């Protein structure tokens, strides 16, 4: 990687951090998940299952595998 490419990446990172909106309700990770219809469905189904657990007074976790093969665990 050339020095200009590395400098470009560093500048973009600094600007992202400096100008990051603190009013965002969703994290970048959730935004990525919501952008993929398959992952979105899995995520929303897991949230629904967790909500049902909470309503029954139970605690637990739900693990989903995203399309990137990354595992994500949601807990109550």
Protein backbone atom coordinates (compact mmCIF):
# COMPACT_ATOMS: atom_id res chain seq x y z
CA UNK A 1 0.00 0.00 0.00
CA UNK A 2 1.44 3.36 -0.96
CA UNK A 3 1.93 6.16 1.52
CA UNK A 4 -0.83 8.17 -0.17
CA UNK A 5 -3.34 5.33 0.24
CA UNK A 6 -2.43 4.95 3.90
CA UNK A 7 -2.67 8.69 4.42
CA UNK A 8 -6.07 8.72 2.71
CA UNK A 9 -7.34 5.97 5.01
CA UNK A 10 -6.01 7.77 8.07
CA UNK A 11 -7.58 11.09 7.06
CA UNK A 12 -10.94 9.42 6.41
CA UNK A 13 -10.78 7.73 9.80
CA UNK A 14 -10.00 11.00 11.59
CA UNK A 15 -12.82 12.80 9.77
CA UNK A 16 -15.26 9.97 10.53
CA UNK A 17 -14.40 10.16 14.22
CA UNK A 18 -14.42 13.95 14.36
CA UNK A 19 -17.65 14.46 12.44
CA UNK A 20 -19.48 11.39 13.69
CA UNK A 21 -23.11 12.12 14.38
CA UNK A 22 -23.92 11.52 18.01
CA UNK A 23 -27.63 11.49 17.22
CA UNK A 24 -27.52 8.18 15.41
CA UNK A 25 -29.85 5.69 17.00
CA UNK A 26 -28.28 2.67 15.30
CA UNK A 27 -24.64 1.69 15.38
CA UNK A 28 -22.68 1.16 12.18
CA UNK A 29 -22.95 -2.59 12.71
CA UNK A 30 -26.74 -2.48 12.87
CA UNK A 31 -26.84 -0.25 9.80
CA UNK A 32 -24.79 -2.85 7.91
CA UNK A 33 -27.13 -5.60 9.06
CA UNK A 34 -30.21 -3.62 8.03
CA UNK A 35 -28.73 -3.01 4.57
CA UNK A 36 -28.70 -6.76 3.89
CA UNK A 37 -32.23 -8.23 3.58
CA UNK A 38 -31.19 -11.72 4.73
CA UNK A 39 -29.30 -10.43 7.76
CA UNK A 40 -32.09 -7.96 8.52
CA UNK A 41 -34.66 -10.75 8.72
CA UNK A 42 -32.45 -12.85 11.01
CA UNK A 43 -31.72 -9.85 13.25
CA UNK A 44 -35.36 -8.79 13.57
CA UNK A 45 -36.48 -12.38 14.27
CA UNK A 46 -33.85 -12.65 17.00
CA UNK A 47 -35.00 -9.35 18.53
CA UNK A 48 -38.60 -10.60 18.48
CA UNK A 49 -37.58 -13.84 20.21
CA UNK A 50 -35.68 -11.91 22.87
CA UNK A 51 -38.62 -9.58 23.44
CA UNK A 52 -40.89 -12.59 23.95
CA UNK A 53 -38.40 -14.01 26.48
CA UNK A 54 -38.39 -10.72 28.38
CA UNK A 55 -42.19 -10.58 28.43
CA UNK A 56 -42.23 -14.05 29.99
CA UNK A 57 -39.73 -12.93 32.61
CA UNK A 58 -36.97 -15.10 31.19
CA UNK A 59 -33.39 -14.24 30.44
CA UNK A 60 -31.49 -15.68 27.57
CA UNK A 61 -29.51 -15.16 24.43
CA UNK A 62 -30.07 -15.61 20.74
CA UNK A 63 -27.15 -16.14 18.35
CA UNK A 64 -27.46 -15.51 14.64
CA UNK A 65 -24.99 -16.09 11.84
CA UNK A 66 -24.74 -13.21 9.41
CA UNK A 67 -24.13 -13.57 5.68
CA UNK A 68 -20.49 -12.71 6.34
CA UNK A 69 -20.26 -15.85 8.53
CA UNK A 70 -19.90 -13.59 11.57
CA UNK A 71 -21.80 -14.72 14.66
CA UNK A 72 -23.77 -12.15 16.60
CA UNK A 73 -25.26 -12.86 20.03
CA UNK A 74 -28.15 -10.79 21.33
CA UNK A 75 -28.98 -11.05 25.03
CA UNK A 76 -31.80 -9.96 27.30
